[in-house]
Every structure is written in structure tokens, then in C-alpha cells.
Amino acid sequence: MTVVYKYPLRSPVVSVEMPDGGAIRLVARDPASVNPAIWVEHDLRQPAVRRTFLVFGTGMEVEAESTHVGSLIAGDYVWHVYERHRTA
């Protein structure tokens, strides 16, 4: 079964447990809370994994071991969301 879930990004570093292999479909301001959030499409048959997302403002140093997943505009600011690389 495939579903899309929302994950609020309420701090600069957010770790969430979700089904493995989820594809990020949207990075935007959550209209319900005005906080940044990501919407991820999942196959609920997959086992759960922990994924960590990082939020950086424009001009901030980005963590080297991360991958850009999307950006969003919030008022006068542009925020950039990265996923920390998983370690084996």
C-alpha cells in the first residue's frame, strides 16, 4: 500500500522513523503550522528506518555528508533541506 505522509521540520535537525525507500515529493511550509515540512511517499510494506533531515538558511555552511532534497521560501527567508547520509 502506498501513502504520502507529512513530517514537520520543527528544528534544524530532525530524525524520523519511516518506511525504507520513501520518496520525498514536496518540501514546503505546512499551511497548518507555517513550519517547514516534507511530504514523503511510502510503501507501507517496507521495514522502518531512521532518516535525518537538516535545515539550513541561505549562506549557512551545509553539512558535507548530506544531500539536498528541496528548498522553501518562508517570509523573507529561503530554507534548504538536506538529508544526512546514512552510515552503514
C-alpha atoms as a PDB file:
ATOM      1  CA  MET A   1       0.000   0.000   0.000  1.00  0.00           C
ATOM      2  CA  THR A   2       1.392   3.399  -0.982  1.00  0.00           C
ATOM      3  CA  VAL A   3       0.659   6.539   1.044  1.00  0.00           C
ATOM      4  CA  VAL A   4       2.029  10.066   1.450  1.00  0.00           C
ATOM      5  CA  TYR A   5       2.843  11.253   4.976  1.00  0.00           C
ATOM      6  CA  LYS A   6       3.824  14.708   6.219  1.00  0.00           C
ATOM      7  CA  TYR A   7       6.840  15.182   8.512  1.00  0.00           C
ATOM      8  CA  PRO A   8       7.183  18.586  10.226  1.00  0.00           C
ATOM      9  CA  LEU A   9      10.690  20.045  10.439  1.00  0.00           C
ATOM     10  CA  ARG A  10      10.396  21.939  13.740  1.00  0.00           C
ATOM     11  CA  SER A  11      14.133  22.206  14.402  1.00  0.00           C
ATOM     12  CA  PRO A  12      17.362  22.396  12.375  1.00  0.00           C
ATOM     13  CA  VAL A  13      17.954  18.633  12.809  1.00  0.00           C
ATOM     14  CA  VAL A  14      15.019  16.220  12.668  1.00  0.00           C
ATOM     15  CA  SER A  15      15.249  12.411  12.817  1.00  0.00           C
ATOM     16  CA  VAL A  16      12.150  10.440  11.901  1.00  0.00           C
ATOM     17  CA  GLU A  17      11.328   6.781  11.535  1.00  0.00           C
ATOM     18  CA  MET A  18       9.611   5.912   8.271  1.00  0.00           C
ATOM     19  CA  PRO A  19       9.279   3.020   5.823  1.00  0.00           C
ATOM     20  CA  ASP A  20      12.504   2.450   3.880  1.00  0.00           C
ATOM     21  CA  GLY A  21      12.800   3.817   0.360  1.00  0.00           C
ATOM     22  CA  GLY A  22      10.311   6.675   0.791  1.00  0.00           C
ATOM     23  CA  ALA A  23      10.482   9.288  -1.972  1.00  0.00           C
ATOM     24  CA  ILE A  24      10.324  12.955  -0.999  1.00  0.00           C
ATOM     25  CA  ARG A  25       7.531  14.534  -3.015  1.00  0.00           C
ATOM     26  CA  LEU A  26       7.355  18.066  -1.556  1.00  0.00           C
ATOM     27  CA  VAL A  27       9.316  20.441   0.681  1.00  0.00           C
ATOM     28  CA  ALA A  28       7.147  23.410   1.693  1.00  0.00           C
ATOM     29  CA  ARG A  29       5.653  25.413   4.518  1.00  0.00           C
ATOM     30  CA  ASP A  30       2.961  23.438   6.267  1.00  0.00           C
ATOM     31  CA  PRO A  31      -0.221  25.533   5.948  1.00  0.00           C
ATOM     32  CA  ALA A  32      -1.462  24.113   9.265  1.00  0.00           C
ATOM     33  CA  SER A  33       1.535  25.317  11.292  1.00  0.00           C
ATOM     34  CA  VAL A  34       3.623  27.547   8.934  1.00  0.00           C
ATOM     35  CA  ASN A  35       6.667  25.412   9.853  1.00  0.00           C
ATOM     36  CA  PRO A  36       8.762  23.726   7.147  1.00  0.00           C
ATOM     37  CA  ALA A  37       7.706  20.164   6.354  1.00  0.00           C
ATOM     38  CA  ILE A  38       8.394  17.359   3.927  1.00  0.00           C
ATOM     39  CA  TRP A  39       5.842  15.078   2.323  1.00  0.00           C
ATOM     40  CA  VAL A  40       7.154  11.588   1.626  1.00  0.00           C
ATOM     41  CA  GLU A  41       5.568   8.828  -0.462  1.00  0.00           C
ATOM     42  CA  HIS A  42       5.924   5.413   1.187  1.00  0.00           C
ATOM     43  CA  ASP A  43       5.294   1.769   0.520  1.00  0.00           C
ATOM     44  CA  LEU A  44       3.975   0.679   3.916  1.00  0.00           C
ATOM     45  CA  ARG A  45       5.185  -2.888   3.287  1.00  0.00           C
ATOM     46  CA  GLN A  46       8.806  -1.750   3.677  1.00  0.00           C
ATOM     47  CA  PRO A  47      10.640  -2.026   7.018  1.00  0.00           C
ATOM     48  CA  ALA A  48      11.104   1.128   9.080  1.00  0.00           C
ATOM     49  CA  VAL A  49      14.376   3.079   9.019  1.00  0.00           C
ATOM     50  CA  ARG A  50      15.538   6.258  10.732  1.00  0.00           C
ATOM     51  CA  ARG A  51      16.241   9.201   8.398  1.00  0.00           C
ATOM     52  CA  THR A  52      17.726  12.528   9.475  1.00  0.00           C
ATOM     53  CA  PHE A  53      16.919  15.845   7.807  1.00  0.00           C
ATOM     54  CA  LEU A  54      18.838  19.098   8.250  1.00  0.00           C
ATOM     55  CA  VAL A  55      17.516  22.616   7.655  1.00  0.00           C
ATOM     56  CA  PHE A  56      19.944  25.368   6.638  1.00  0.00           C
ATOM     57  CA  GLY A  57      19.342  29.022   5.847  1.00  0.00           C
ATOM     58  CA  THR A  58      20.853  30.622   2.771  1.00  0.00           C
ATOM     59  CA  GLY A  59      24.511  31.419   3.454  1.00  0.00           C
ATOM     60  CA  MET A  60      24.882  28.857   6.239  1.00  0.00           C
ATOM     61  CA  GLU A  61      27.523  26.161   5.968  1.00  0.00           C
ATOM     62  CA  VAL A  62      25.981  22.865   4.792  1.00  0.00           C
ATOM     63  CA  GLU A  63      26.986  19.550   6.348  1.00  0.00           C
ATOM     64  CA  ALA A  64      29.336  17.772   3.929  1.00  0.00           C
ATOM     65  CA  GLU A  65      27.778  14.321   4.324  1.00  0.00           C
ATOM     66  CA  SER A  66      24.287  15.319   3.190  1.00  0.00           C
ATOM     67  CA  THR A  67      22.178  15.579   0.043  1.00  0.00           C
ATOM     68  CA  HIS A  68      19.847  18.429  -0.942  1.00  0.00           C
ATOM     69  CA  VAL A  69      16.194  17.321  -1.048  1.00  0.00           C
ATOM     70  CA  GLY A  70      14.441  20.654  -1.537  1.00  0.00           C
ATOM     71  CA  SER A  71      14.134  24.325  -0.610  1.00  0.00           C
ATOM     72  CA  LEU A  72      11.276  26.521   0.522  1.00  0.00           C
ATOM     73  CA  ILE A  73      10.503  30.201   0.940  1.00  0.00           C
ATOM     74  CA  ALA A  74       9.160  31.340   4.324  1.00  0.00           C
ATOM     75  CA  GLY A  75       8.595  35.072   4.518  1.00  0.00           C
ATOM     76  CA  ASP A  76      11.892  36.819   3.820  1.00  0.00           C
ATOM     77  CA  TYR A  77      13.943  33.632   4.174  1.00  0.00           C
ATOM     78  CA  VAL A  78      14.821  30.698   1.943  1.00  0.00           C
ATOM     79  CA  TRP A  79      15.479  27.432   3.782  1.00  0.00           C
ATOM     80  CA  HIS A  80      17.273  24.446   2.302  1.00  0.00           C
ATOM     81  CA  VAL A  81      16.539  20.891   3.446  1.00  0.00           C
ATOM     82  CA  TYR A  82      19.201  18.191   3.242  1.00  0.00           C
ATOM     83  CA  GLU A  83      19.191  14.543   4.198  1.00  0.00           C
ATOM     84  CA  ARG A  84      22.132  13.268   6.204  1.00  0.00           C
ATOM     85  CA  HIS A  85      23.797  10.313   4.503  1.00  0.00           C
ATOM     86  CA  ARG A  86      23.129   7.030   6.262  1.00  0.00           C
ATOM     87  CA  THR A  87      26.125   5.278   7.692  1.00  0.00           C
ATOM     88  CA  ALA A  88      26.495   1.529   7.385  1.00  0.00           C
END
